[in-house]
C-alpha cells in the first residue's frame, strides 16, 4: 500500500470513520478533486465525473459490502495510478 493511496483515502473519508461510502467518494472527488490534483495527491486525469467515480467505487468494492476499506481502495488506486 502506497503512502499516496493512504493520503488520498484520508482526504476522501469525509466523516473520518475509516471507510468510504459511494456518496463520500463522489462528493469528495467533486468538491476536493481539483485541489487534490493541484497538490499532487491524485493525478489530474483521476478526477472524473459522477459516473466514473461511481464505477471506480464498484470496481474497488471487492466484497460488495457498499463500503471501501483502505485495503480495497489502495489495491485499485495503486494499480490505476501506478503508485505501487
PDB file of N, CA and C in Angstrom:
ATOM      1  N   UNK A   1       0.849  -1.177   0.000  1.00  0.00           N
ATOM      2  CA  UNK A   1       0.000   0.000   0.000  1.00  0.00           C
ATOM      3  C   UNK A   1       0.893   1.238   0.000  1.00  0.00           C
ATOM      4  N   UNK A   2       0.633   2.141  -0.913  1.00  0.00           N
ATOM      5  CA  UNK A   2       1.459   3.337  -1.026  1.00  0.00           C
ATOM      6  C   UNK A   2       0.998   4.431  -0.055  1.00  0.00           C
ATOM      7  N   UNK A   3       1.922   5.316   0.273  1.00  0.00           N
ATOM      8  CA  UNK A   3       1.576   6.480   1.094  1.00  0.00           C
ATOM      9  C   UNK A   3       0.586   7.378   0.364  1.00  0.00           C
ATOM     10  N   UNK A   4       0.719   7.456  -0.971  1.00  0.00           N
ATOM     11  CA  UNK A   4      -0.200   8.290  -1.751  1.00  0.00           C
ATOM     12  C   UNK A   4      -1.628   7.759  -1.641  1.00  0.00           C
ATOM     13  N   UNK A   5      -1.790   6.446  -1.699  1.00  0.00           N
ATOM     14  CA  UNK A   5      -3.134   5.863  -1.573  1.00  0.00           C
ATOM     15  C   UNK A   5      -3.708   6.158  -0.202  1.00  0.00           C
ATOM     16  N   UNK A   6      -2.883   6.044   0.825  1.00  0.00           N
ATOM     17  CA  UNK A   6      -3.350   6.335   2.184  1.00  0.00           C
ATOM     18  C   UNK A   6      -3.775   7.797   2.316  1.00  0.00           C
ATOM     19  N   UNK A   7      -2.967   8.715   1.780  1.00  0.00           N
ATOM     20  CA  UNK A   7      -3.310  10.147   1.863  1.00  0.00           C
ATOM     21  C   UNK A   7      -4.598  10.451   1.108  1.00  0.00           C
ATOM     22  N   UNK A   8      -4.759   9.839  -0.069  1.00  0.00           N
ATOM     23  CA  UNK A   8      -5.976  10.069  -0.839  1.00  0.00           C
ATOM     24  C   UNK A   8      -7.187   9.504  -0.106  1.00  0.00           C
ATOM     25  N   UNK A   9      -7.062   8.316   0.446  1.00  0.00           N
ATOM     26  CA  UNK A   9      -8.154   7.709   1.212  1.00  0.00           C
ATOM     27  C   UNK A   9      -8.567   8.639   2.352  1.00  0.00           C
ATOM     28  N   UNK A  10      -7.595   9.148   3.092  1.00  0.00           N
ATOM     29  CA  UNK A  10      -7.898  10.039   4.220  1.00  0.00           C
ATOM     30  C   UNK A  10      -8.567  11.325   3.752  1.00  0.00           C
ATOM     31  N   UNK A  11      -8.168  11.829   2.596  1.00  0.00           N
ATOM     32  CA  UNK A  11      -8.782  13.055   2.064  1.00  0.00           C
ATOM     33  C   UNK A  11     -10.230  12.811   1.636  1.00  0.00           C
ATOM     34  N   UNK A  12     -10.519  11.611   1.161  1.00  0.00           N
ATOM     35  CA  UNK A  12     -11.874  11.298   0.707  1.00  0.00           C
ATOM     36  C   UNK A  12     -12.798  10.856   1.838  1.00  0.00           C
ATOM     37  N   UNK A  13     -12.234  10.430   2.945  1.00  0.00           N
ATOM     38  CA  UNK A  13     -13.029   9.955   4.089  1.00  0.00           C
ATOM     39  C   UNK A  13     -13.586  11.161   4.847  1.00  0.00           C
ATOM     40  N   UNK A  14     -14.671  11.702   4.331  1.00  0.00           N
ATOM     41  CA  UNK A  14     -15.216  12.961   4.846  1.00  0.00           C
ATOM     42  C   UNK A  14     -15.667  12.888   6.298  1.00  0.00           C
ATOM     43  N   UNK A  15     -16.181  11.734   6.729  1.00  0.00           N
ATOM     44  CA  UNK A  15     -16.638  11.630   8.116  1.00  0.00           C
ATOM     45  C   UNK A  15     -15.606  10.965   9.031  1.00  0.00           C
ATOM     46  N   UNK A  16     -14.450  10.669   8.473  1.00  0.00           N
ATOM     47  CA  UNK A  16     -13.305  10.127   9.245  1.00  0.00           C
ATOM     48  C   UNK A  16     -13.660   8.860  10.032  1.00  0.00           C
ATOM     49  N   UNK A  17     -14.476   7.992   9.413  1.00  0.00           N
ATOM     50  CA  UNK A  17     -14.836   6.750  10.102  1.00  0.00           C
ATOM     51  C   UNK A  17     -14.003   5.548   9.653  1.00  0.00           C
ATOM     52  N   UNK A  18     -13.040   5.772   8.762  1.00  0.00           N
ATOM     53  CA  UNK A  18     -12.142   4.703   8.345  1.00  0.00           C
ATOM     54  C   UNK A  18     -12.625   3.859   7.185  1.00  0.00           C
ATOM     55  N   UNK A  19     -13.773   4.200   6.608  1.00  0.00           N
ATOM     56  CA  UNK A  19     -14.270   3.546   5.397  1.00  0.00           C
ATOM     57  C   UNK A  19     -14.852   4.612   4.476  1.00  0.00           C
ATOM     58  N   UNK A  20     -14.927   4.289   3.189  1.00  0.00           N
ATOM     59  CA  UNK A  20     -15.509   5.205   2.215  1.00  0.00           C
ATOM     60  C   UNK A  20     -16.825   4.647   1.706  1.00  0.00           C
ATOM     61  N   UNK A  21     -17.829   5.497   1.645  1.00  0.00           N
ATOM     62  CA  UNK A  21     -19.087   5.135   1.008  1.00  0.00           C
ATOM     63  C   UNK A  21     -19.073   5.691  -0.414  1.00  0.00           C
ATOM     64  N   UNK A  22     -19.984   5.188  -1.237  1.00  0.00           N
ATOM     65  CA  UNK A  22     -20.095   5.712  -2.611  1.00  0.00           C
ATOM     66  C   UNK A  22     -20.308   7.225  -2.583  1.00  0.00           C
ATOM     67  N   UNK A  23     -21.195   7.671  -1.713  1.00  0.00           N
ATOM     68  CA  UNK A  23     -21.501   9.104  -1.615  1.00  0.00           C
ATOM     69  C   UNK A  23     -20.252   9.910  -1.258  1.00  0.00           C
ATOM     70  N   UNK A  24     -19.479   9.429  -0.306  1.00  0.00           N
ATOM     71  CA  UNK A  24     -18.241  10.139   0.072  1.00  0.00           C
ATOM     72  C   UNK A  24     -17.296  10.259  -1.113  1.00  0.00           C
ATOM     73  N   UNK A  25     -17.114   9.176  -1.842  1.00  0.00           N
ATOM     74  CA  UNK A  25     -16.197   9.201  -2.985  1.00  0.00           C
ATOM     75  C   UNK A  25     -16.673  10.220  -4.015  1.00  0.00           C
ATOM     76  N   UNK A  26     -17.953  10.187  -4.339  1.00  0.00           N
ATOM     77  CA  UNK A  26     -18.496  11.096  -5.343  1.00  0.00           C
ATOM     78  C   UNK A  26     -18.403  12.548  -4.876  1.00  0.00           C
ATOM     79  N   UNK A  27     -18.867  12.814  -3.658  1.00  0.00           N
ATOM     80  CA  UNK A  27     -18.861  14.187  -3.141  1.00  0.00           C
ATOM     81  C   UNK A  27     -17.439  14.703  -2.978  1.00  0.00           C
ATOM     82  N   UNK A  28     -16.563  13.892  -2.401  1.00  0.00           N
ATOM     83  CA  UNK A  28     -15.195  14.344  -2.147  1.00  0.00           C
ATOM     84  C   UNK A  28     -14.442  14.605  -3.446  1.00  0.00           C
ATOM     85  N   UNK A  29     -14.597  13.728  -4.437  1.00  0.00           N
ATOM     86  CA  UNK A  29     -13.907  13.971  -5.702  1.00  0.00           C
ATOM     87  C   UNK A  29     -14.467  15.192  -6.419  1.00  0.00           C
ATOM     88  N   UNK A  30     -15.769  15.420  -6.281  1.00  0.00           N
ATOM     89  CA  UNK A  30     -16.365  16.595  -6.925  1.00  0.00           C
ATOM     90  C   UNK A  30     -15.924  17.876  -6.231  1.00  0.00           C
ATOM     91  N   UNK A  31     -15.879  17.870  -4.899  1.00  0.00           N
ATOM     92  CA  UNK A  31     -15.569  19.109  -4.180  1.00  0.00           C
ATOM     93  C   UNK A  31     -14.070  19.309  -3.934  1.00  0.00           C
ATOM     94  N   UNK A  32     -13.357  18.223  -3.657  1.00  0.00           N
ATOM     95  CA  UNK A  32     -11.928  18.330  -3.340  1.00  0.00           C
ATOM     96  C   UNK A  32     -11.016  17.931  -4.488  1.00  0.00           C
ATOM     97  N   UNK A  33     -11.571  17.297  -5.507  1.00  0.00           N
ATOM     98  CA  UNK A  33     -10.764  16.754  -6.590  1.00  0.00           C
ATOM     99  C   UNK A  33      -9.779  17.723  -7.211  1.00  0.00           C
ATOM    100  N   UNK A  34     -10.230  18.904  -7.645  1.00  0.00           N
ATOM    101  CA  UNK A  34      -9.293  19.831  -8.267  1.00  0.00           C
ATOM    102  C   UNK A  34      -8.147  20.252  -7.339  1.00  0.00           C
ATOM    103  N   UNK A  35      -8.451  20.497  -6.065  1.00  0.00           N
ATOM    104  CA  UNK A  35      -7.377  20.894  -5.148  1.00  0.00           C
ATOM    105  C   UNK A  35      -6.466  19.714  -4.823  1.00  0.00           C
ATOM    106  N   UNK A  36      -7.028  18.494  -4.755  1.00  0.00           N
ATOM    107  CA  UNK A  36      -6.204  17.306  -4.536  1.00  0.00           C
ATOM    108  C   UNK A  36      -5.273  17.083  -5.725  1.00  0.00           C
ATOM    109  N   UNK A  37      -5.780  17.310  -6.927  1.00  0.00           N
ATOM    110  CA  UNK A  37      -4.951  17.160  -8.123  1.00  0.00           C
ATOM    111  C   UNK A  37      -3.869  18.238  -8.161  1.00  0.00           C
ATOM    112  N   UNK A  38      -4.239  19.469  -7.823  1.00  0.00           N
ATOM    113  CA  UNK A  38      -3.262  20.556  -7.835  1.00  0.00           C
ATOM    114  C   UNK A  38      -2.144  20.344  -6.823  1.00  0.00           C
ATOM    115  N   UNK A  39      -2.467  19.688  -5.708  1.00  0.00           N
ATOM    116  CA  UNK A  39      -1.443  19.448  -4.688  1.00  0.00           C
ATOM    117  C   UNK A  39      -0.702  18.125  -4.909  1.00  0.00           C
ATOM    118  N   UNK A  40      -1.060  17.398  -5.968  1.00  0.00           N
ATOM    119  CA  UNK A  40      -0.353  16.169  -6.306  1.00  0.00           C
ATOM    120  C   UNK A  40      -0.837  14.930  -5.579  1.00  0.00           C
ATOM    121  N   UNK A  41      -1.946  15.016  -4.851  1.00  0.00           N
ATOM    122  CA  UNK A  41      -2.474  13.859  -4.126  1.00  0.00           C
ATOM    123  C   UNK A  41      -3.102  12.866  -5.095  1.00  0.00           C
ATOM    124  N   UNK A  42      -3.680  13.349  -6.165  1.00  0.00           N
ATOM    125  CA  UNK A  42      -4.286  12.494  -7.194  1.00  0.00           C
ATOM    126  C   UNK A  42      -3.905  13.083  -8.552  1.00  0.00           C
ATOM    127  N   UNK A  43      -3.653  12.250  -9.561  1.00  0.00           N
ATOM    128  CA  UNK A  43      -3.377  12.792 -10.895  1.00  0.00           C
ATOM    129  C   UNK A  43      -4.589  13.567 -11.421  1.00  0.00           C
ATOM    130  N   UNK A  44      -4.349  14.603 -12.209  1.00  0.00           N
ATOM    131  CA  UNK A  44      -5.453  15.390 -12.761  1.00  0.00           C
ATOM    132  C   UNK A  44      -6.432  14.503 -13.521  1.00  0.00           C
ATOM    133  N   UNK A  45      -5.935  13.513 -14.261  1.00  0.00           N
ATOM    134  CA  UNK A  45      -6.826  12.650 -15.037  1.00  0.00           C
ATOM    135  C   UNK A  45      -7.639  11.722 -14.131  1.00  0.00           C
ATOM    136  N   UNK A  46      -7.284  11.647 -12.846  1.00  0.00           N
ATOM    137  CA  UNK A  46      -8.020  10.810 -11.907  1.00  0.00           C
ATOM    138  C   UNK A  46      -9.273  11.457 -11.368  1.00  0.00           C
ATOM    139  N   UNK A  47      -9.442  12.748 -11.616  1.00  0.00           N
ATOM    140  CA  UNK A  47     -10.627  13.475 -11.161  1.00  0.00           C
ATOM    141  C   UNK A  47     -11.638  13.440 -12.297  1.00  0.00           C
ATOM    142  N   UNK A  48     -12.708  12.674 -12.103  1.00  0.00           N
ATOM    143  CA  UNK A  48     -13.658  12.448 -13.182  1.00  0.00           C
ATOM    144  C   UNK A  48     -15.074  12.778 -12.742  1.00  0.00           C
ATOM    145  N   UNK A  49     -16.032  12.499 -13.629  1.00  0.00           N
ATOM    146  CA  UNK A  49     -17.435  12.814 -13.356  1.00  0.00           C
ATOM    147  C   UNK A  49     -18.076  11.792 -12.408  1.00  0.00           C
ATOM    148  N   UNK A  50     -19.331  12.017 -12.085  1.00  0.00           N
ATOM    149  CA  UNK A  50     -20.056  11.185 -11.126  1.00  0.00           C
ATOM    150  C   UNK A  50     -20.102   9.728 -11.574  1.00  0.00           C
ATOM    151  N   UNK A  51     -20.382   9.497 -12.846  1.00  0.00           N
ATOM    152  CA  UNK A  51     -20.474   8.120 -13.342  1.00  0.00           C
ATOM    153  C   UNK A  51     -19.136   7.394 -13.205  1.00  0.00           C
ATOM    154  N   UNK A  52     -18.055   8.068 -13.533  1.00  0.00           N
ATOM    155  CA  UNK A  52     -16.730   7.454 -13.425  1.00  0.00           C
ATOM    156  C   UNK A  52     -16.374   7.196 -11.964  1.00  0.00           C
ATOM    157  N   UNK A  53     -16.720   8.128 -11.085  1.00  0.00           N
ATOM    158  CA  UNK A  53     -16.456   7.938  -9.655  1.00  0.00           C
ATOM    159  C   UNK A  53     -17.260   6.762  -9.112  1.00  0.00           C
ATOM    160  N   UNK A  54     -18.502   6.630  -9.551  1.00  0.00           N
ATOM    161  CA  UNK A  54     -19.346   5.524  -9.118  1.00  0.00           C
ATOM    162  C   UNK A  54     -18.802   4.193  -9.647  1.00  0.00           C
ATOM    163  N   UNK A  55     -18.359   4.177 -10.892  1.00  0.00           N
ATOM    164  CA  UNK A  55     -17.781   2.962 -11.474  1.00  0.00           C
ATOM    165  C   UNK A  55     -16.494   2.579 -10.744  1.00  0.00           C
ATOM    166  N   UNK A  56     -15.691   3.585 -10.388  1.00  0.00           N
ATOM    167  CA  UNK A  56     -14.482   3.322  -9.613  1.00  0.00           C
ATOM    168  C   UNK A  56     -14.849   2.655  -8.291  1.00  0.00           C
ATOM    169  N   UNK A  57     -15.862   3.168  -7.620  1.00  0.00           N
ATOM    170  CA  UNK A  57     -16.299   2.598  -6.353  1.00  0.00           C
ATOM    171  C   UNK A  57     -16.689   1.132  -6.535  1.00  0.00           C
ATOM    172  N   UNK A  58     -17.461   0.840  -7.574  1.00  0.00           N
ATOM    173  CA  UNK A  58     -17.893  -0.540  -7.825  1.00  0.00           C
ATOM    174  C   UNK A  58     -16.702  -1.464  -8.060  1.00  0.00           C
ATOM    175  N   UNK A  59     -15.718  -0.990  -8.794  1.00  0.00           N
ATOM    176  CA  UNK A  59     -14.519  -1.784  -9.053  1.00  0.00           C
ATOM    177  C   UNK A  59     -13.766  -2.069  -7.764  1.00  0.00           C
ATOM    178  N   UNK A  60     -13.663  -1.065  -6.904  1.00  0.00           N
ATOM    179  CA  UNK A  60     -12.877  -1.205  -5.673  1.00  0.00           C
ATOM    180  C   UNK A  60     -13.603  -2.003  -4.594  1.00  0.00           C
ATOM    181  N   UNK A  61     -14.928  -2.003  -4.601  1.00  0.00           N
ATOM    182  CA  UNK A  61     -15.698  -2.699  -3.561  1.00  0.00           C
ATOM    183  C   UNK A  61     -15.682  -4.206  -3.822  1.00  0.00           C
ATOM    184  N   UNK A  62     -14.576  -4.825  -3.508  1.00  0.00           N
ATOM    185  CA  UNK A  62     -14.337  -6.223  -3.855  1.00  0.00           C
ATOM    186  C   UNK A  62     -15.283  -7.199  -3.161  1.00  0.00           C
ATOM    187  N   UNK A  63     -15.724  -6.892  -1.956  1.00  0.00           N
ATOM    188  CA  UNK A  63     -16.596  -7.835  -1.243  1.00  0.00           C
ATOM    189  C   UNK A  63     -18.072  -7.446  -1.316  1.00  0.00           C
ATOM    190  N   UNK A  64     -18.397  -6.356  -1.998  1.00  0.00           N
ATOM    191  CA  UNK A  64     -19.782  -5.982  -2.225  1.00  0.00           C
ATOM    192  C   UNK A  64     -20.534  -5.482  -1.009  1.00  0.00           C
ATOM    193  N   UNK A  65     -19.818  -4.991   0.003  1.00  0.00           N
ATOM    194  CA  UNK A  65     -20.500  -4.540   1.218  1.00  0.00           C
ATOM    195  C   UNK A  65     -20.863  -3.052   1.217  1.00  0.00           C
ATOM    196  N   UNK A  66     -20.685  -2.391   0.095  1.00  0.00           N
ATOM    197  CA  UNK A  66     -21.059  -0.987  -0.106  1.00  0.00           C
ATOM    198  C   UNK A  66     -20.197   0.000   0.668  1.00  0.00           C
ATOM    199  N   UNK A  67     -19.050  -0.419   1.158  1.00  0.00           N
ATOM    200  CA  UNK A  67     -18.053   0.486   1.731  1.00  0.00           C
ATOM    201  C   UNK A  67     -16.671   0.029   1.265  1.00  0.00           C
ATOM    202  N   UNK A  68     -15.765   0.986   1.187  1.00  0.00           N
ATOM    203  CA  UNK A  68     -14.389   0.669   0.818  1.00  0.00           C
ATOM    204  C   UNK A  68     -13.491   0.792   2.035  1.00  0.00           C
ATOM    205  N   UNK A  69     -12.752  -0.254   2.297  1.00  0.00           N
ATOM    206  CA  UNK A  69     -11.711  -0.187   3.313  1.00  0.00           C
ATOM    207  C   UNK A  69     -10.465   0.400   2.667  1.00  0.00           C
ATOM    208  N   UNK A  70      -9.519   0.782   3.476  1.00  0.00           N
ATOM    209  CA  UNK A  70      -8.255   1.293   2.950  1.00  0.00           C
ATOM    210  C   UNK A  70      -7.598   0.247   2.056  1.00  0.00           C
ATOM    211  N   UNK A  71      -7.665  -1.012   2.447  1.00  0.00           N
ATOM    212  CA  UNK A  71      -7.032  -2.075   1.669  1.00  0.00           C
ATOM    213  C   UNK A  71      -7.684  -2.226   0.294  1.00  0.00           C
ATOM    214  N   UNK A  72      -9.023  -2.227   0.237  1.00  0.00           N
ATOM    215  CA  UNK A  72      -9.720  -2.323  -1.045  1.00  0.00           C
ATOM    216  C   UNK A  72      -9.378  -1.123  -1.917  1.00  0.00           C
ATOM    217  N   UNK A  73      -9.436   0.053  -1.324  1.00  0.00           N
ATOM    218  CA  UNK A  73      -9.179   1.295  -2.040  1.00  0.00           C
ATOM    219  C   UNK A  73      -7.764   1.327  -2.596  1.00  0.00           C
ATOM    220  N   UNK A  74      -6.785   1.019  -1.743  1.00  0.00           N
ATOM    221  CA  UNK A  74      -5.395   1.119  -2.182  1.00  0.00           C
ATOM    222  C   UNK A  74      -5.058   0.099  -3.258  1.00  0.00           C
ATOM    223  N   UNK A  75      -5.680  -1.075  -3.207  1.00  0.00           N
ATOM    224  CA  UNK A  75      -5.421  -2.090  -4.230  1.00  0.00           C
ATOM    225  C   UNK A  75      -5.770  -1.567  -5.616  1.00  0.00           C
ATOM    226  N   UNK A  76      -6.838  -0.787  -5.709  1.00  0.00           N
ATOM    227  CA  UNK A  76      -7.264  -0.260  -7.000  1.00  0.00           C
ATOM    228  C   UNK A  76      -6.496   1.000  -7.375  1.00  0.00           C
ATOM    229  N   UNK A  77      -6.375   1.956  -6.470  1.00  0.00           N
ATOM    230  CA  UNK A  77      -5.709   3.207  -6.858  1.00  0.00           C
ATOM    231  C   UNK A  77      -4.217   3.020  -7.094  1.00  0.00           C
ATOM    232  N   UNK A  78      -3.566   2.182  -6.321  1.00  0.00           N
ATOM    233  CA  UNK A  78      -2.143   1.957  -6.559  1.00  0.00           C
ATOM    234  C   UNK A  78      -1.916   1.392  -7.959  1.00  0.00           C
ATOM    235  N   UNK A  79      -2.784   0.481  -8.373  1.00  0.00           N
ATOM    236  CA  UNK A  79      -2.652  -0.119  -9.710  1.00  0.00           C
ATOM    237  C   UNK A  79      -3.048   0.904 -10.786  1.00  0.00           C
ATOM    238  N   UNK A  80      -4.171   1.580 -10.593  1.00  0.00           N
ATOM    239  CA  UNK A  80      -4.685   2.517 -11.608  1.00  0.00           C
ATOM    240  C   UNK A  80      -3.748   3.702 -11.809  1.00  0.00           C
ATOM    241  N   UNK A  81      -3.194   4.232 -10.725  1.00  0.00           N
ATOM    242  CA  UNK A  81      -2.350   5.417 -10.843  1.00  0.00           C
ATOM    243  C   UNK A  81      -0.867   5.076 -10.920  1.00  0.00           C
ATOM    244  N   UNK A  82      -0.532   3.785 -10.888  1.00  0.00           N
ATOM    245  CA  UNK A  82       0.860   3.365 -10.991  1.00  0.00           C
ATOM    246  C   UNK A  82       1.683   3.695  -9.756  1.00  0.00           C
ATOM    247  N   UNK A  83       1.042   3.647  -8.595  1.00  0.00           N
ATOM    248  CA  UNK A  83       1.725   4.024  -7.352  1.00  0.00           C
ATOM    249  C   UNK A  83       2.415   2.872  -6.654  1.00  0.00           C
ATOM    250  N   UNK A  84       2.179   1.648  -7.073  1.00  0.00           N
ATOM    251  CA  UNK A  84       2.798   0.533  -6.355  1.00  0.00           C
ATOM    252  C   UNK A  84       4.046   0.052  -7.053  1.00  0.00           C
TER     253      UNK A  84
END
